[in-house]
C-alpha atoms as a PDB file:
ATOM      1  CA  MET A   1     -16.217   2.373 -16.778  1.00  0.00           C
ATOM      2  CA  PRO A   2     -12.837   4.799 -16.381  1.00  0.00           C
ATOM      3  CA  LYS A   3     -12.879   7.760 -15.412  1.00  0.00           C
ATOM      4  CA  LYS A   4     -10.699  10.940 -16.294  1.00  0.00           C
ATOM      5  CA  ILE A   5      -8.504  11.717 -13.429  1.00  0.00           C
ATOM      6  CA  GLY A   6      -5.946  14.206 -15.058  1.00  0.00           C
ATOM      7  CA  GLU A   7      -4.148  15.172 -17.990  1.00  0.00           C
ATOM      8  CA  ILE A   8      -0.864  14.842 -19.752  1.00  0.00           C
ATOM      9  CA  THR A   9       0.312  18.855 -19.541  1.00  0.00           C
ATOM     10  CA  LEU A  10       1.968  20.087 -22.754  1.00  0.00           C
ATOM     11  CA  GLU A  11       4.885  20.591 -20.102  1.00  0.00           C
ATOM     12  CA  VAL A  12       5.422  17.200 -19.508  1.00  0.00           C
ATOM     13  CA  ILE A  13       4.970  16.558 -23.264  1.00  0.00           C
ATOM     14  CA  GLN A  14       7.806  18.866 -24.040  1.00  0.00           C
ATOM     15  CA  VAL A  15      10.110  17.459 -21.036  1.00  0.00           C
ATOM     16  CA  LEU A  16       9.773  13.771 -21.955  1.00  0.00           C
ATOM     17  CA  ASN A  17       9.612  14.438 -25.522  1.00  0.00           C
ATOM     18  CA  LEU A  18       6.383  12.820 -25.833  1.00  0.00           C
ATOM     19  CA  HIS A  19       4.663  12.515 -29.273  1.00  0.00           C
ATOM     20  CA  LEU A  20       1.091  13.484 -27.653  1.00  0.00           C
ATOM     21  CA  GLU A  21      -1.391  16.014 -27.675  1.00  0.00           C
ATOM     22  CA  GLU A  22      -1.298  18.266 -25.074  1.00  0.00           C
ATOM     23  CA  ALA A  23      -4.153  17.664 -22.164  1.00  0.00           C
ATOM     24  CA  THR A  24      -4.072  13.877 -23.747  1.00  0.00           C
ATOM     25  CA  PRO A  25      -6.299  13.016 -20.561  1.00  0.00           C
ATOM     26  CA  ILE A  26      -5.269  10.280 -17.853  1.00  0.00           C
ATOM     27  CA  PHE A  27      -7.983   7.793 -16.694  1.00  0.00           C
ATOM     28  CA  ILE A  28      -8.583   5.668 -13.716  1.00  0.00           C
ATOM     29  CA  GLY A  29     -10.591   2.514 -13.753  1.00  0.00           C
ATOM     30  CA  THR A  30     -12.146  -0.030 -11.290  1.00  0.00           C
ATOM     31  CA  THR A  31      -9.307  -2.484 -12.165  1.00  0.00           C
ATOM     32  CA  ASN A  32      -6.446   0.514 -11.639  1.00  0.00           C
ATOM     33  CA  ILE A  33      -8.252   1.076  -8.298  1.00  0.00           C
ATOM     34  CA  ALA A  34      -8.380  -2.467  -7.099  1.00  0.00           C
ATOM     35  CA  HIS A  35      -4.628  -2.855  -8.349  1.00  0.00           C
ATOM     36  CA  MET A  36      -3.158   0.304  -6.135  1.00  0.00           C
ATOM     37  CA  ALA A  37      -5.843  -0.698  -3.079  1.00  0.00           C
ATOM     38  CA  LYS A  38      -4.290  -4.018  -2.786  1.00  0.00           C
ATOM     39  CA  THR A  39      -0.731  -3.851  -3.710  1.00  0.00           C
ATOM     40  CA  HIS A  40      -0.199  -0.590  -1.654  1.00  0.00           C
ATOM     41  CA  SER A  41      -2.726  -0.259   0.493  1.00  0.00           C
ATOM     42  CA  TYR A  42      -1.545   2.321   2.920  1.00  0.00           C
ATOM     43  CA  GLU A  43      -0.299   4.619   0.189  1.00  0.00           C
ATOM     44  CA  PHE A  44      -3.612   4.181  -1.643  1.00  0.00           C
ATOM     45  CA  ASN A  45      -5.627   5.254   1.027  1.00  0.00           C
ATOM     46  CA  ARG A  46      -3.586   8.461   2.179  1.00  0.00           C
ATOM     47  CA  PHE A  47      -3.345   9.637  -1.536  1.00  0.00           C
ATOM     48  CA  TYR A  48      -5.768   8.276  -3.622  1.00  0.00           C
ATOM     49  CA  HIS A  49      -7.680  11.428  -3.427  1.00  0.00           C
ATOM     50  CA  LYS A  50      -4.750  13.320  -4.058  1.00  0.00           C
ATOM     51  CA  ILE A  51      -4.105  11.832  -7.176  1.00  0.00           C
ATOM     52  CA  PRO A  52      -5.156  14.607  -9.514  1.00  0.00           C
ATOM     53  CA  LEU A  53      -3.217  16.756  -7.111  1.00  0.00           C
ATOM     54  CA  ILE A  54      -0.139  14.647  -7.893  1.00  0.00           C
ATOM     55  CA  ILE A  55      -0.749  14.844 -11.581  1.00  0.00           C
ATOM     56  CA  SER A  56      -0.723  19.018 -11.649  1.00  0.00           C
ATOM     57  CA  THR A  57       1.452  19.874  -9.488  1.00  0.00           C
ATOM     58  CA  ALA A  58       4.393  16.806  -9.873  1.00  0.00           C
ATOM     59  CA  GLU A  59       7.752  18.550  -8.990  1.00  0.00           C
ATOM     60  CA  TYR A  60       9.447  15.540 -10.980  1.00  0.00           C
ATOM     61  CA  VAL A  61       8.561  13.603 -14.037  1.00  0.00           C
ATOM     62  CA  ARG A  62      10.140  10.743 -16.347  1.00  0.00           C
ATOM     63  CA  GLN A  63       9.470   7.849 -18.702  1.00  0.00           C
ATOM     64  CA  LYS A  64      10.597   4.586 -17.852  1.00  0.00           C
ATOM     65  CA  LYS A  65      12.121   3.026 -20.883  1.00  0.00           C
ATOM     66  CA  ASP A  66      10.820  -0.718 -20.306  1.00  0.00           C
ATOM     67  CA  ASP A  67       7.536   0.161 -20.468  1.00  0.00           C
ATOM     68  CA  ARG A  68       7.064   3.727 -21.453  1.00  0.00           C
ATOM     69  CA  SER A  69       5.329   4.709 -18.426  1.00  0.00           C
ATOM     70  CA  ILE A  70       4.957   7.921 -16.934  1.00  0.00           C
ATOM     71  CA  GLU A  71       6.548   8.529 -13.546  1.00  0.00           C
ATOM     72  CA  TYR A  72       4.654  11.827 -11.529  1.00  0.00           C
ATOM     73  CA  ILE A  73       6.935  12.007  -8.258  1.00  0.00           C
ATOM     74  CA  LYS A  74       5.547  14.963  -5.520  1.00  0.00           C
ATOM     75  CA  SER A  75       6.981  15.516  -2.199  1.00  0.00           C
ATOM     76  CA  MET A  76       3.995  15.398   0.412  1.00  0.00           C
ATOM     77  CA  GLY A  77       6.091  14.456   3.777  1.00  0.00           C
ATOM     78  CA  LYS A  78       7.770  11.866   1.442  1.00  0.00           C
ATOM     79  CA  HIS A  79       8.120  11.663  -2.058  1.00  0.00           C
ATOM     80  CA  VAL A  80       4.885   9.976  -3.598  1.00  0.00           C
ATOM     81  CA  LYS A  81       5.207   8.605  -6.987  1.00  0.00           C
ATOM     82  CA  LEU A  82       2.234   7.778  -9.436  1.00  0.00           C
ATOM     83  CA  ALA A  83       2.859   5.883 -12.448  1.00  0.00           C
ATOM     84  CA  VAL A  84       0.717   6.277 -15.400  1.00  0.00           C
ATOM     85  CA  ARG A  85       0.575   3.523 -18.413  1.00  0.00           C
ATOM     86  CA  VAL A  86      -0.552   3.247 -21.765  1.00  0.00           C
ATOM     87  CA  ALA A  87      -2.825   0.603 -22.215  1.00  0.00           C
ATOM     88  CA  GLY A  88      -3.668  -1.235 -25.529  1.00  0.00           C
ATOM     89  CA  ASP A  89      -6.401   0.947 -26.374  1.00  0.00           C
ATOM     90  CA  GLY A  90      -3.836   3.623 -26.312  1.00  0.00           C
ATOM     91  CA  LYS A  91      -5.685   5.453 -23.519  1.00  0.00           C
ATOM     92  CA  TYR A  92      -3.143   6.640 -20.471  1.00  0.00           C
ATOM     93  CA  TYR A  93      -4.330   4.962 -17.268  1.00  0.00           C
ATOM     94  CA  VAL A  94      -2.960   5.370 -13.195  1.00  0.00           C
ATOM     95  CA  ARG A  95      -1.320   2.353 -12.454  1.00  0.00           C
ATOM     96  CA  SER A  96       0.367   2.655  -9.461  1.00  0.00           C
ATOM     97  CA  LEU A  97       0.740   5.119  -6.165  1.00  0.00           C
ATOM     98  CA  TYR A  98       3.461   4.512  -3.497  1.00  0.00           C
ATOM     99  CA  PHE A  99       6.280   5.800  -2.071  1.00  0.00           C
ATOM    100  CA  ILE A 100       9.976   6.565  -3.364  1.00  0.00           C
ATOM    101  CA  GLU A 101      12.653   7.066  -1.377  1.00  0.00           C
ATOM    102  CA  SER A 102      14.763  10.331  -1.264  1.00  0.00           C
ATOM    103  CA  ASN A 103      17.921   8.831  -1.968  1.00  0.00           C
ATOM    104  CA  ARG A 104      16.284   6.978  -5.108  1.00  0.00           C
ATOM    105  CA  VAL A 105      15.105  10.658  -6.233  1.00  0.00           C
ATOM    106  CA  GLU A 106      18.296  11.796  -5.728  1.00  0.00           C
ATOM    107  CA  ASN A 107      20.041   9.288  -7.686  1.00  0.00           C
ATOM    108  CA  LEU A 108      17.523   9.426 -10.486  1.00  0.00           C
ATOM    109  CA  LEU A 109      17.911  13.310 -10.708  1.00  0.00           C
ATOM    110  CA  LYS A 110      21.991  12.897 -11.139  1.00  0.00           C
ATOM    111  CA  GLN A 111      21.541  10.234 -13.992  1.00  0.00           C
ATOM    112  CA  GLY A 112      19.204  12.365 -15.559  1.00  0.00           C
ATOM    113  CA  GLU A 113      16.265  10.357 -15.660  1.00  0.00           C
ATOM    114  CA  LEU A 114      13.831  12.891 -13.403  1.00  0.00           C
ATOM    115  CA  LYS A 115      12.921  15.892 -15.259  1.00  0.00           C
ATOM    116  CA  TYR A 116      12.096  19.029 -13.225  1.00  0.00           C
ATOM    117  CA  LEU A 117       8.640  20.407 -13.806  1.00  0.00           C
ATOM    118  CA  THR A 118       7.959  24.253 -13.342  1.00  0.00           C
ATOM    119  CA  HIS A 119       4.575  24.329 -14.064  1.00  0.00           C
ATOM    120  CA  LYS A 120       4.925  27.435 -16.022  1.00  0.00           C
ATOM    121  CA  THR A 121       3.855  26.258 -19.476  1.00  0.00           C
END
């Protein structure tokens, strides 16, 4: 049974020009947890319990063009990227959690891909 682990805030919706309702829930299910634990076990073991914090206090966000997933990026010693993807049922699920290099963050900022979050809305 998926559990709610966060929500897509009004600021993220506005910054990314998403057609969603404020506080759209973000879920995590057992298959999501198993995928993250298997593919990026180090990051998963270190940051799994901080997923709600990453969602609510990320410094940057973007929506990928290819699969429309939402990526939250937060600096936690290193930059941590949390990807949230919409499923066939229309619900948003945490899909991956791993480190992203600082130079990649800088390049995405220069390209205008990453949007800065203020957390003031």
